[in-house]
Amino acid sequence: MALSALAATLDEGGSFAISVSNTETVNAAGPVASLGVFPANLHGYRRCFPDRWAAFLRAHFQSATHVAAFFDVDHHTARAWLSGKHGATAPVALYAIQRIPGALAMLTEGIAA
């Protein structure tokens, strides 16, 4: 997806800028910036995300079968997510945020900007 298309996709209130390769800035709007999705310690967020994703899935889905069907992934991937072995990729997490009310708040709760 082109950066301009991505910016248009995120354009729904609030604003923030992403610097890309020190040559292009994308101004995008959306609830992502206001909840502090980008913590000061990116490595810490990478470490905690699989557990956070697993807790989110357990709160919203009944089984690995339901997770697999909703996100169109195989059963092995769904089980790995539910166990906290792996977290979702960005497109999958964004899909959840778009489709499940409260997903953004749950996935970003307690993360400092």
PDB file of N, CA and C in Angstrom:
ATOM      1  N   MET A   1       0.852  -1.174   0.000  1.00  0.00           N
ATOM      2  CA  MET A   1       0.000   0.000   0.000  1.00  0.00           C
ATOM      3  C   MET A   1       0.896   1.234   0.000  1.00  0.00           C
ATOM      4  N   ALA A   2       0.615   2.178  -0.839  1.00  0.00           N
ATOM      5  CA  ALA A   2       1.392   3.407  -0.895  1.00  0.00           C
ATOM      6  C   ALA A   2       1.194   4.190   0.392  1.00  0.00           C
ATOM      7  N   LEU A   3       2.201   4.951   0.773  1.00  0.00           N
ATOM      8  CA  LEU A   3       2.101   5.715   2.005  1.00  0.00           C
ATOM      9  C   LEU A   3       0.945   6.697   1.972  1.00  0.00           C
ATOM     10  N   SER A   4       0.667   7.306   0.822  1.00  0.00           N
ATOM     11  CA  SER A   4      -0.459   8.240   0.742  1.00  0.00           C
ATOM     12  C   SER A   4      -1.779   7.513   0.974  1.00  0.00           C
ATOM     13  N   ALA A   5      -1.897   6.281   0.471  1.00  0.00           N
ATOM     14  CA  ALA A   5      -3.112   5.501   0.696  1.00  0.00           C
ATOM     15  C   ALA A   5      -3.226   5.119   2.161  1.00  0.00           C
ATOM     16  N   LEU A   6      -2.101   4.777   2.791  1.00  0.00           N
ATOM     17  CA  LEU A   6      -2.095   4.449   4.204  1.00  0.00           C
ATOM     18  C   LEU A   6      -2.531   5.657   5.016  1.00  0.00           C
ATOM     19  N   ALA A   7      -2.017   6.836   4.689  1.00  0.00           N
ATOM     20  CA  ALA A   7      -2.394   8.059   5.400  1.00  0.00           C
ATOM     21  C   ALA A   7      -3.886   8.312   5.255  1.00  0.00           C
ATOM     22  N   ALA A   8      -4.425   8.117   4.071  1.00  0.00           N
ATOM     23  CA  ALA A   8      -5.854   8.309   3.854  1.00  0.00           C
ATOM     24  C   ALA A   8      -6.664   7.302   4.660  1.00  0.00           C
ATOM     25  N   THR A   9      -6.170   6.081   4.774  1.00  0.00           N
ATOM     26  CA  THR A   9      -6.862   5.047   5.526  1.00  0.00           C
ATOM     27  C   THR A   9      -6.941   5.396   7.012  1.00  0.00           C
ATOM     28  N   LEU A  10      -5.906   6.018   7.545  1.00  0.00           N
ATOM     29  CA  LEU A  10      -5.860   6.336   8.968  1.00  0.00           C
ATOM     30  C   LEU A  10      -6.523   7.666   9.313  1.00  0.00           C
ATOM     31  N   ASP A  11      -7.033   8.389   8.339  1.00  0.00           N
ATOM     32  CA  ASP A  11      -7.531   9.736   8.541  1.00  0.00           C
ATOM     33  C   ASP A  11      -8.902   9.756   9.208  1.00  0.00           C
ATOM     34  N   GLU A  12      -8.939   9.701  10.572  1.00  0.00           N
ATOM     35  CA  GLU A  12     -10.200   9.742  11.302  1.00  0.00           C
ATOM     36  C   GLU A  12     -10.055  10.409  12.669  1.00  0.00           C
ATOM     37  N   GLY A  13      -9.553  11.613  12.740  1.00  0.00           N
ATOM     38  CA  GLY A  13      -9.465  12.335  13.994  1.00  0.00           C
ATOM     39  C   GLY A  13      -8.088  12.261  14.613  1.00  0.00           C
ATOM     40  N   GLY A  14      -7.657  13.333  15.309  1.00  0.00           N
ATOM     41  CA  GLY A  14      -6.313  13.395  15.864  1.00  0.00           C
ATOM     42  C   GLY A  14      -5.316  13.459  14.733  1.00  0.00           C
ATOM     43  N   SER A  15      -4.051  13.662  15.038  1.00  0.00           N
ATOM     44  CA  SER A  15      -3.081  13.656  13.956  1.00  0.00           C
ATOM     45  C   SER A  15      -1.704  13.337  14.494  1.00  0.00           C
ATOM     46  N   PHE A  16      -0.861  12.827  13.638  1.00  0.00           N
ATOM     47  CA  PHE A  16       0.529  12.600  13.958  1.00  0.00           C
ATOM     48  C   PHE A  16       1.288  12.473  12.661  1.00  0.00           C
ATOM     49  N   ALA A  17       2.600  12.509  12.736  1.00  0.00           N
ATOM     50  CA  ALA A  17       3.415  12.424  11.528  1.00  0.00           C
ATOM     51  C   ALA A  17       4.394  11.275  11.657  1.00  0.00           C
ATOM     52  N   ILE A  18       4.646  10.615  10.556  1.00  0.00           N
ATOM     53  CA  ILE A  18       5.622   9.539  10.502  1.00  0.00           C
ATOM     54  C   ILE A  18       6.716   9.985   9.549  1.00  0.00           C
ATOM     55  N   SER A  19       7.956   9.968   9.997  1.00  0.00           N
ATOM     56  CA  SER A  19       9.061  10.307   9.117  1.00  0.00           C
ATOM     57  C   SER A  19       9.540   9.032   8.447  1.00  0.00           C
ATOM     58  N   VAL A  20       9.587   9.045   7.131  1.00  0.00           N
ATOM     59  CA  VAL A  20       9.972   7.857   6.369  1.00  0.00           C
ATOM     60  C   VAL A  20      11.264   8.147   5.632  1.00  0.00           C
ATOM     61  N   SER A  21      12.316   7.406   5.918  1.00  0.00           N
ATOM     62  CA  SER A  21      13.616   7.520   5.252  1.00  0.00           C
ATOM     63  C   SER A  21      14.171   8.936   5.253  1.00  0.00           C
ATOM     64  N   ASN A  22      13.804   9.717   6.232  1.00  0.00           N
ATOM     65  CA  ASN A  22      14.286  11.094   6.365  1.00  0.00           C
ATOM     66  C   ASN A  22      13.993  11.970   5.157  1.00  0.00           C
ATOM     67  N   THR A  23      13.155  11.512   4.227  1.00  0.00           N
ATOM     68  CA  THR A  23      12.863  12.311   3.049  1.00  0.00           C
ATOM     69  C   THR A  23      11.378  12.576   2.867  1.00  0.00           C
ATOM     70  N   GLU A  24      10.530  11.822   3.528  1.00  0.00           N
ATOM     71  CA  GLU A  24       9.096  11.970   3.330  1.00  0.00           C
ATOM     72  C   GLU A  24       8.395  11.905   4.675  1.00  0.00           C
ATOM     73  N   THR A  25       7.436  12.778   4.880  1.00  0.00           N
ATOM     74  CA  THR A  25       6.645  12.750   6.090  1.00  0.00           C
ATOM     75  C   THR A  25       5.204  12.483   5.710  1.00  0.00           C
ATOM     76  N   VAL A  26       4.607  11.536   6.373  1.00  0.00           N
ATOM     77  CA  VAL A  26       3.214  11.204   6.129  1.00  0.00           C
ATOM     78  C   VAL A  26       2.419  11.721   7.307  1.00  0.00           C
ATOM     79  N   ASN A  27       1.498  12.615   7.059  1.00  0.00           N
ATOM     80  CA  ASN A  27       0.606  13.070   8.116  1.00  0.00           C
ATOM     81  C   ASN A  27      -0.618  12.190   8.099  1.00  0.00           C
ATOM     82  N   ALA A  28      -0.860  11.541   9.206  1.00  0.00           N
ATOM     83  CA  ALA A  28      -2.008  10.662   9.298  1.00  0.00           C
ATOM     84  C   ALA A  28      -2.785  11.018  10.545  1.00  0.00           C
ATOM     85  N   ALA A  29      -4.037  10.744  10.508  1.00  0.00           N
ATOM     86  CA  ALA A  29      -4.871  11.030  11.660  1.00  0.00           C
ATOM     87  C   ALA A  29      -5.505   9.734  12.119  1.00  0.00           C
ATOM     88  N   GLY A  30      -5.785   9.649  13.400  1.00  0.00           N
ATOM     89  CA  GLY A  30      -6.458   8.460  13.878  1.00  0.00           C
ATOM     90  C   GLY A  30      -6.239   8.264  15.355  1.00  0.00           C
ATOM     91  N   PRO A  31      -6.990   7.375  15.944  1.00  0.00           N
ATOM     92  CA  PRO A  31      -6.898   7.143  17.379  1.00  0.00           C
ATOM     93  C   PRO A  31      -5.587   6.519  17.798  1.00  0.00           C
ATOM     94  N   VAL A  32      -4.814   5.969  16.870  1.00  0.00           N
ATOM     95  CA  VAL A  32      -3.553   5.310  17.206  1.00  0.00           C
ATOM     96  C   VAL A  32      -2.628   6.253  17.960  1.00  0.00           C
ATOM     97  N   ALA A  33      -2.451   7.475  17.468  1.00  0.00           N
ATOM     98  CA  ALA A  33      -1.516   8.407  18.084  1.00  0.00           C
ATOM     99  C   ALA A  33      -1.976   8.835  19.468  1.00  0.00           C
ATOM    100  N   SER A  34      -3.274   9.049  19.644  1.00  0.00           N
ATOM    101  CA  SER A  34      -3.761   9.571  20.908  1.00  0.00           C
ATOM    102  C   SER A  34      -3.613   8.581  22.058  1.00  0.00           C
ATOM    103  N   LEU A  35      -3.536   7.272  21.780  1.00  0.00           N
ATOM    104  CA  LEU A  35      -3.400   6.282  22.838  1.00  0.00           C
ATOM    105  C   LEU A  35      -1.959   5.869  23.093  1.00  0.00           C
ATOM    106  N   GLY A  36      -1.006   6.500  22.403  1.00  0.00           N
ATOM    107  CA  GLY A  36       0.386   6.204  22.683  1.00  0.00           C
ATOM    108  C   GLY A  36       0.819   4.833  22.231  1.00  0.00           C
ATOM    109  N   VAL A  37       0.502   4.445  21.021  1.00  0.00           N
ATOM    110  CA  VAL A  37       0.871   3.135  20.521  1.00  0.00           C
ATOM    111  C   VAL A  37       2.375   2.974  20.404  1.00  0.00           C
ATOM    112  N   PHE A  38       3.104   4.047  20.240  1.00  0.00           N
ATOM    113  CA  PHE A  38       4.543   3.973  20.049  1.00  0.00           C
ATOM    114  C   PHE A  38       5.251   4.270  21.372  1.00  0.00           C
ATOM    115  N   PRO A  39       5.558   3.220  22.156  1.00  0.00           N
ATOM    116  CA  PRO A  39       6.190   3.433  23.458  1.00  0.00           C
ATOM    117  C   PRO A  39       7.640   3.864  23.304  1.00  0.00           C
ATOM    118  N   ALA A  40       8.166   4.406  24.379  1.00  0.00           N
ATOM    119  CA  ALA A  40       9.556   4.856  24.360  1.00  0.00           C
ATOM    120  C   ALA A  40      10.501   3.679  24.133  1.00  0.00           C
ATOM    121  N   ASN A  41      10.133   2.497  24.593  1.00  0.00           N
ATOM    122  CA  ASN A  41      10.981   1.323  24.458  1.00  0.00           C
ATOM    123  C   ASN A  41      10.328   0.341  23.488  1.00  0.00           C
ATOM    124  N   LEU A  42      10.683   0.435  22.221  1.00  0.00           N
ATOM    125  CA  LEU A  42      10.088  -0.416  21.195  1.00  0.00           C
ATOM    126  C   LEU A  42      10.379  -1.893  21.462  1.00  0.00           C
ATOM    127  N   HIS A  43      11.551  -2.201  21.958  1.00  0.00           N
ATOM    128  CA  HIS A  43      11.891  -3.602  22.238  1.00  0.00           C
ATOM    129  C   HIS A  43      10.995  -4.169  23.336  1.00  0.00           C
ATOM    130  N   GLY A  44      10.670  -3.351  24.310  1.00  0.00           N
ATOM    131  CA  GLY A  44       9.757  -3.784  25.364  1.00  0.00           C
ATOM    132  C   GLY A  44       8.374  -4.077  24.813  1.00  0.00           C
ATOM    133  N   TYR A  45       7.922  -3.248  23.897  1.00  0.00           N
ATOM    134  CA  TYR A  45       6.619  -3.479  23.289  1.00  0.00           C
ATOM    135  C   TYR A  45       6.637  -4.762  22.461  1.00  0.00           C
ATOM    136  N   ARG A  46       7.733  -4.994  21.736  1.00  0.00           N
ATOM    137  CA  ARG A  46       7.846  -6.236  20.960  1.00  0.00           C
ATOM    138  C   ARG A  46       7.798  -7.456  21.867  1.00  0.00           C
ATOM    139  N   ARG A  47       8.409  -7.345  23.044  1.00  0.00           N
ATOM    140  CA  ARG A  47       8.420  -8.473  23.987  1.00  0.00           C
ATOM    141  C   ARG A  47       7.029  -8.728  24.570  1.00  0.00           C
ATOM    142  N   CYS A  48       6.301  -7.665  24.887  1.00  0.00           N
ATOM    143  CA  CYS A  48       5.021  -7.847  25.571  1.00  0.00           C
ATOM    144  C   CYS A  48       3.856  -8.088  24.609  1.00  0.00           C
ATOM    145  N   PHE A  49       4.019  -7.771  23.328  1.00  0.00           N
ATOM    146  CA  PHE A  49       2.887  -7.859  22.413  1.00  0.00           C
ATOM    147  C   PHE A  49       2.292  -9.260  22.267  1.00  0.00           C
ATOM    148  N   PRO A  50       3.099 -10.326  22.142  1.00  0.00           N
ATOM    149  CA  PRO A  50       2.471 -11.652  22.012  1.00  0.00           C
ATOM    150  C   PRO A  50       1.546 -12.002  23.187  1.00  0.00           C
ATOM    151  N   ASP A  51       1.952 -11.672  24.412  1.00  0.00           N
ATOM    152  CA  ASP A  51       1.096 -11.941  25.570  1.00  0.00           C
ATOM    153  C   ASP A  51      -0.151 -11.063  25.549  1.00  0.00           C
ATOM    154  N   ARG A  52       0.022  -9.822  25.161  1.00  0.00           N
ATOM    155  CA  ARG A  52      -1.102  -8.885  25.080  1.00  0.00           C
ATOM    156  C   ARG A  52      -2.086  -9.341  24.001  1.00  0.00           C
ATOM    157  N   TRP A  53      -1.547  -9.779  22.857  1.00  0.00           N
ATOM    158  CA  TRP A  53      -2.380 -10.272  21.767  1.00  0.00           C
ATOM    159  C   TRP A  53      -3.146 -11.522  22.209  1.00  0.00           C
ATOM    160  N   ALA A  54      -2.469 -12.431  22.911  1.00  0.00           N
ATOM    161  CA  ALA A  54      -3.114 -13.650  23.403  1.00  0.00           C
ATOM    162  C   ALA A  54      -4.254 -13.312  24.361  1.00  0.00           C
ATOM    163  N   ALA A  55      -4.020 -12.381  25.275  1.00  0.00           N
ATOM    164  CA  ALA A  55      -5.068 -11.987  26.222  1.00  0.00           C
ATOM    165  C   ALA A  55      -6.251 -11.361  25.487  1.00  0.00           C
ATOM    166  N   PHE A  56      -5.962 -10.555  24.503  1.00  0.00           N
ATOM    167  CA  PHE A  56      -7.014  -9.943  23.694  1.00  0.00           C
ATOM    168  C   PHE A  56      -7.845 -11.019  22.995  1.00  0.00           C
ATOM    169  N   LEU A  57      -7.180 -11.993  22.387  1.00  0.00           N
ATOM    170  CA  LEU A  57      -7.901 -13.062  21.686  1.00  0.00           C
ATOM    171  C   LEU A  57      -8.743 -13.897  22.648  1.00  0.00           C
ATOM    172  N   ARG A  58      -8.180 -14.223  23.800  1.00  0.00           N
ATOM    173  CA  ARG A  58      -8.925 -15.031  24.775  1.00  0.00           C
ATOM    174  C   ARG A  58     -10.166 -14.281  25.276  1.00  0.00           C
ATOM    175  N   ALA A  59     -10.091 -12.954  25.334  1.00  0.00           N
ATOM    176  CA  ALA A  59     -11.235 -12.159  25.787  1.00  0.00           C
ATOM    177  C   ALA A  59     -12.332 -12.051  24.724  1.00  0.00           C
ATOM    178  N   HIS A  60     -11.986 -12.257  23.461  1.00  0.00           N
ATOM    179  CA  HIS A  60     -12.956 -12.030  22.385  1.00  0.00           C
ATOM    180  C   HIS A  60     -13.352 -13.267  21.582  1.00  0.00           C
ATOM    181  N   PHE A  61     -12.634 -14.353  21.733  1.00  0.00           N
ATOM    182  CA  PHE A  61     -12.916 -15.544  20.920  1.00  0.00           C
ATOM    183  C   PHE A  61     -13.018 -16.772  21.814  1.00  0.00           C
ATOM    184  N   GLN A  62     -13.846 -17.737  21.392  1.00  0.00           N
ATOM    185  CA  GLN A  62     -14.084 -18.933  22.188  1.00  0.00           C
ATOM    186  C   GLN A  62     -13.018 -20.002  22.023  1.00  0.00           C
ATOM    187  N   SER A  63     -12.350 -20.038  20.865  1.00  0.00           N
ATOM    188  CA  SER A  63     -11.398 -21.121  20.612  1.00  0.00           C
ATOM    189  C   SER A  63     -10.448 -20.754  19.480  1.00  0.00           C
ATOM    190  N   ALA A  64      -9.445 -21.589  19.293  1.00  0.00           N
ATOM    191  CA  ALA A  64      -8.514 -21.404  18.176  1.00  0.00           C
ATOM    192  C   ALA A  64      -9.246 -21.516  16.842  1.00  0.00           C
ATOM    193  N   THR A  65     -10.270 -22.326  16.796  1.00  0.00           N
ATOM    194  CA  THR A  65     -11.057 -22.462  15.567  1.00  0.00           C
ATOM    195  C   THR A  65     -11.726 -21.141  15.209  1.00  0.00           C
ATOM    196  N   HIS A  66     -12.289 -20.465  16.200  1.00  0.00           N
ATOM    197  CA  HIS A  66     -12.914 -19.160  15.961  1.00  0.00           C
ATOM    198  C   HIS A  66     -11.881 -18.119  15.544  1.00  0.00           C
ATOM    199  N   VAL A  67     -10.726 -18.122  16.181  1.00  0.00           N
ATOM    200  CA  VAL A  67      -9.652 -17.192  15.815  1.00  0.00           C
ATOM    201  C   VAL A  67      -9.221 -17.442  14.375  1.00  0.00           C
ATOM    202  N   ALA A  68      -9.003 -18.700  14.044  1.00  0.00           N
ATOM    203  CA  ALA A  68      -8.561 -19.053  12.693  1.00  0.00           C
ATOM    204  C   ALA A  68      -9.573 -18.610  11.643  1.00  0.00           C
ATOM    205  N   ALA A  69     -10.852 -18.813  11.908  1.00  0.00           N
ATOM    206  CA  ALA A  69     -11.886 -18.432  10.949  1.00  0.00           C
ATOM    207  C   ALA A  69     -11.982 -16.914  10.799  1.00  0.00           C
ATOM    208  N   PHE A  70     -11.942 -16.186  11.911  1.00  0.00           N
ATOM    209  CA  PHE A  70     -12.091 -14.726  11.861  1.00  0.00           C
ATOM    210  C   PHE A  70     -10.929 -14.068  11.126  1.00  0.00           C
ATOM    211  N   PHE A  71      -9.702 -14.528  11.409  1.00  0.00           N
ATOM    212  CA  PHE A  71      -8.514 -13.892  10.833  1.00  0.00           C
ATOM    213  C   PHE A  71      -7.997 -14.608   9.578  1.00  0.00           C
ATOM    214  N   ASP A  72      -8.689 -15.653   9.152  1.00  0.00           N
ATOM    215  CA  ASP A  72      -8.315 -16.400   7.951  1.00  0.00           C
ATOM    216  C   ASP A  72      -6.868 -16.895   8.028  1.00  0.00           C
ATOM    217  N   VAL A  73      -6.562 -17.552   9.145  1.00  0.00           N
ATOM    218  CA  VAL A  73      -5.241 -18.164   9.349  1.00  0.00           C
ATOM    219  C   VAL A  73      -5.444 -19.641   9.643  1.00  0.00           C
ATOM    220  N   ASP A  74      -4.358 -20.401   9.590  1.00  0.00           N
ATOM    221  CA  ASP A  74      -4.494 -21.826   9.897  1.00  0.00           C
ATOM    222  C   ASP A  74      -4.589 -22.038  11.413  1.00  0.00           C
ATOM    223  N   HIS A  75      -5.004 -23.244  11.782  1.00  0.00           N
ATOM    224  CA  HIS A  75      -5.222 -23.566  13.192  1.00  0.00           C
ATOM    225  C   HIS A  75      -3.925 -23.471  13.996  1.00  0.00           C
ATOM    226  N   HIS A  76      -2.801 -23.834  13.396  1.00  0.00           N
ATOM    227  CA  HIS A  76      -1.501 -23.756  14.065  1.00  0.00           C
ATOM    228  C   HIS A  76      -1.184 -22.311  14.459  1.00  0.00           C
ATOM    229  N   THR A  77      -1.402 -21.376  13.546  1.00  0.00           N
ATOM    230  CA  THR A  77      -1.158 -19.955  13.838  1.00  0.00           C
ATOM    231  C   THR A  77      -2.076 -19.472  14.944  1.00  0.00           C
ATOM    232  N   ALA A  78      -3.345 -19.833  14.872  1.00  0.00           N
ATOM    233  CA  ALA A  78      -4.301 -19.419  15.904  1.00  0.00           C
ATOM    234  C   ALA A  78      -3.881 -19.935  17.285  1.00  0.00           C
ATOM    235  N   ARG A  79      -3.441 -21.191  17.348  1.00  0.00           N
ATOM    236  CA  ARG A  79      -2.981 -21.756  18.630  1.00  0.00           C
ATOM    237  C   ARG A  79      -1.721 -21.040  19.132  1.00  0.00           C
ATOM    238  N   ALA A  80      -0.803 -20.717  18.228  1.00  0.00           N
ATOM    239  CA  ALA A  80       0.421 -20.005  18.627  1.00  0.00           C
ATOM    240  C   ALA A  80       0.081 -18.622  19.177  1.00  0.00           C
ATOM    241  N   TRP A  81      -0.881 -17.947  18.571  1.00  0.00           N
ATOM    242  CA  TRP A  81      -1.318 -16.641  19.081  1.00  0.00           C
ATOM    243  C   TRP A  81      -1.950 -16.786  20.459  1.00  0.00           C
ATOM    244  N   LEU A  82      -2.848 -17.758  20.610  1.00  0.00           N
ATOM    245  CA  LEU A  82      -3.548 -17.932  21.880  1.00  0.00           C
ATOM    246  C   LEU A  82      -2.610 -18.330  23.018  1.00  0.00           C
ATOM    247  N   SER A  83      -1.538 -19.009  22.692  1.00  0.00           N
ATOM    248  CA  SER A  83      -0.576 -19.410  23.727  1.00  0.00           C
ATOM    249  C   SER A  83       0.421 -18.298  24.051  1.00  0.00           C
ATOM    250  N   GLY A  84       0.462 -17.253  23.235  1.00  0.00           N
ATOM    251  CA  GLY A  84       1.428 -16.174  23.444  1.00  0.00           C
ATOM    252  C   GLY A  84       2.778 -16.477  22.838  1.00  0.00           C
ATOM    253  N   LYS A  85       2.865 -17.547  22.069  1.00  0.00           N
ATOM    254  CA  LYS A  85       4.134 -17.893  21.423  1.00  0.00           C
ATOM    255  C   LYS A  85       4.498 -16.856  20.359  1.00  0.00           C
ATOM    256  N   HIS A  86       3.496 -16.369  19.641  1.00  0.00           N
ATOM    257  CA  HIS A  86       3.693 -15.355  18.604  1.00  0.00           C
ATOM    258  C   HIS A  86       2.592 -14.321  18.695  1.00  0.00           C
ATOM    259  N   GLY A  87       2.910 -13.104  18.267  1.00  0.00           N
ATOM    260  CA  GLY A  87       1.888 -12.074  18.141  1.00  0.00           C
ATOM    261  C   GLY A  87       1.494 -11.948  16.684  1.00  0.00           C
ATOM    262  N   ALA A  88       0.472 -11.199  16.437  1.00  0.00           N
ATOM    263  CA  ALA A  88      -0.006 -10.987  15.071  1.00  0.00           C
ATOM    264  C   ALA A  88       0.907 -10.015  14.331  1.00  0.00           C
ATOM    265  N   THR A  89       0.823 -10.060  13.005  1.00  0.00           N
ATOM    266  CA  THR A  89       1.503  -9.057  12.188  1.00  0.00           C
ATOM    267  C   THR A  89       0.672  -7.772  12.224  1.00  0.00           C
ATOM    268  N   ALA A  90       1.260  -6.684  11.769  1.00  0.00           N
ATOM    269  CA  ALA A  90       0.569  -5.396  11.782  1.00  0.00           C
ATOM    270  C   ALA A  90      -0.753  -5.419  11.016  1.00  0.00           C
ATOM    271  N   PRO A  91      -0.819  -5.982   9.809  1.00  0.00           N
ATOM    272  CA  PRO A  91      -2.111  -5.989   9.110  1.00  0.00           C
ATOM    273  C   PRO A  91      -3.204  -6.730   9.889  1.00  0.00           C
ATOM    274  N   VAL A  92      -2.837  -7.808  10.549  1.00  0.00           N
ATOM    275  CA  VAL A  92      -3.824  -8.570  11.328  1.00  0.00           C
ATOM    276  C   VAL A  92      -4.278  -7.750  12.528  1.00  0.00           C
ATOM    277  N   ALA A  93      -3.345  -7.133  13.235  1.00  0.00           N
ATOM    278  CA  ALA A  93      -3.705  -6.308  14.387  1.00  0.00           C
ATOM    279  C   ALA A  93      -4.564  -5.121  13.954  1.00  0.00           C
ATOM    280  N   LEU A  94      -4.238  -4.497  12.831  1.00  0.00           N
ATOM    281  CA  LEU A  94      -5.043  -3.381  12.330  1.00  0.00           C
ATOM    282  C   LEU A  94      -6.443  -3.844  11.952  1.00  0.00           C
ATOM    283  N   TYR A  95      -6.558  -5.029  11.391  1.00  0.00           N
ATOM    284  CA  TYR A  95      -7.866  -5.591  11.057  1.00  0.00           C
ATOM    285  C   TYR A  95      -8.693  -5.767  12.335  1.00  0.00           C
ATOM    286  N   ALA A  96      -8.062  -6.285  13.385  1.00  0.00           N
ATOM    287  CA  ALA A  96      -8.763  -6.458  14.657  1.00  0.00           C
ATOM    288  C   ALA A  96      -9.213  -5.115  15.206  1.00  0.00           C
ATOM    289  N   ILE A  97      -8.343  -4.124  15.137  1.00  0.00           N
ATOM    290  CA  ILE A  97      -8.676  -2.789  15.633  1.00  0.00           C
ATOM    291  C   ILE A  97      -9.852  -2.206  14.870  1.00  0.00           C
ATOM    292  N   GLN A  98      -9.886  -2.447  13.572  1.00  0.00           N
ATOM    293  CA  GLN A  98     -10.969  -1.925  12.741  1.00  0.00           C
ATOM    294  C   GLN A  98     -12.287  -2.654  13.004  1.00  0.00           C
ATOM    295  N   ARG A  99     -12.241  -3.949  13.253  1.00  0.00           N
ATOM    296  CA  ARG A  99     -13.457  -4.761  13.315  1.00  0.00           C
ATOM    297  C   ARG A  99     -13.999  -5.026  14.720  1.00  0.00           C
ATOM    298  N   ILE A 100     -13.161  -4.903  15.748  1.00  0.00           N
ATOM    299  CA  ILE A 100     -13.597  -5.279  17.103  1.00  0.00           C
ATOM    300  C   ILE A 100     -13.588  -4.045  18.004  1.00  0.00           C
ATOM    301  N   PRO A 101     -14.765  -3.613  18.466  1.00  0.00           N
ATOM    302  CA  PRO A 101     -14.827  -2.441  19.346  1.00  0.00           C
ATOM    303  C   PRO A 101     -13.957  -2.630  20.592  1.00  0.00           C
ATOM    304  N   GLY A 102     -13.189  -1.615  20.929  1.00  0.00           N
ATOM    305  CA  GLY A 102     -12.341  -1.656  22.111  1.00  0.00           C
ATOM    306  C   GLY A 102     -10.997  -2.325  21.911  1.00  0.00           C
ATOM    307  N   ALA A 103     -10.731  -2.842  20.716  1.00  0.00           N
ATOM    308  CA  ALA A 103      -9.477  -3.560  20.479  1.00  0.00           C
ATOM    309  C   ALA A 103      -8.267  -2.660  20.679  1.00  0.00           C
ATOM    310  N   LEU A 104      -8.303  -1.465  20.141  1.00  0.00           N
ATOM    311  CA  LEU A 104      -7.155  -0.562  20.272  1.00  0.00           C
ATOM    312  C   LEU A 104      -6.855  -0.255  21.724  1.00  0.00           C
ATOM    313  N   ALA A 105      -7.875   0.052  22.490  1.00  0.00           N
ATOM    314  CA  ALA A 105      -7.668   0.359  23.905  1.00  0.00           C
ATOM    315  C   ALA A 105      -7.091  -0.838  24.661  1.00  0.00           C
ATOM    316  N   MET A 106      -7.599  -2.022  24.378  1.00  0.00           N
ATOM    317  CA  MET A 106      -7.094  -3.211  25.076  1.00  0.00           C
ATOM    318  C   MET A 106      -5.663  -3.533  24.692  1.00  0.00           C
ATOM    319  N   LEU A 107      -5.343  -3.402  23.419  1.00  0.00           N
ATOM    320  CA  LEU A 107      -3.995  -3.738  22.956  1.00  0.00           C
ATOM    321  C   LEU A 107      -2.957  -2.708  23.373  1.00  0.00           C
ATOM    322  N   THR A 108      -3.378  -1.498  23.681  1.00  0.00           N
ATOM    323  CA  THR A 108      -2.409  -0.440  24.010  1.00  0.00           C
ATOM    324  C   THR A 108      -2.509   0.036  25.466  1.00  0.00           C
ATOM    325  N   GLU A 109      -3.354  -0.563  26.255  1.00  0.00           N
ATOM    326  CA  GLU A 109      -3.543  -0.142  27.641  1.00  0.00           C
ATOM    327  C   GLU A 109      -2.219  -0.144  28.405  1.00  0.00           C
ATOM    328  N   GLY A 110      -1.948   0.968  29.069  1.00  0.00           N
ATOM    329  CA  GLY A 110      -0.763   1.069  29.907  1.00  0.00           C
ATOM    330  C   GLY A 110       0.529   1.351  29.183  1.00  0.00           C
ATOM    331  N   ILE A 111       0.479   1.599  27.894  1.00  0.00           N
ATOM    332  CA  ILE A 111       1.695   1.895  27.143  1.00  0.00           C
ATOM    333  C   ILE A 111       1.910   3.396  27.133  1.00  0.00           C
ATOM    334  N   ALA A 112       3.052   3.827  27.609  1.00  0.00           N
ATOM    335  CA  ALA A 112       3.371   5.246  27.657  1.00  0.00           C
ATOM    336  C   ALA A 112       3.820   5.730  26.286  1.00  0.00           C
ATOM    337  N   ALA A 113       3.406   6.937  25.969  1.00  0.00           N
ATOM    338  CA  ALA A 113       3.811   7.536  24.683  1.00  0.00           C
ATOM    339  C   ALA A 113       5.248   7.970  24.727  1.00  0.00           C
TER     340      ALA A 113
END
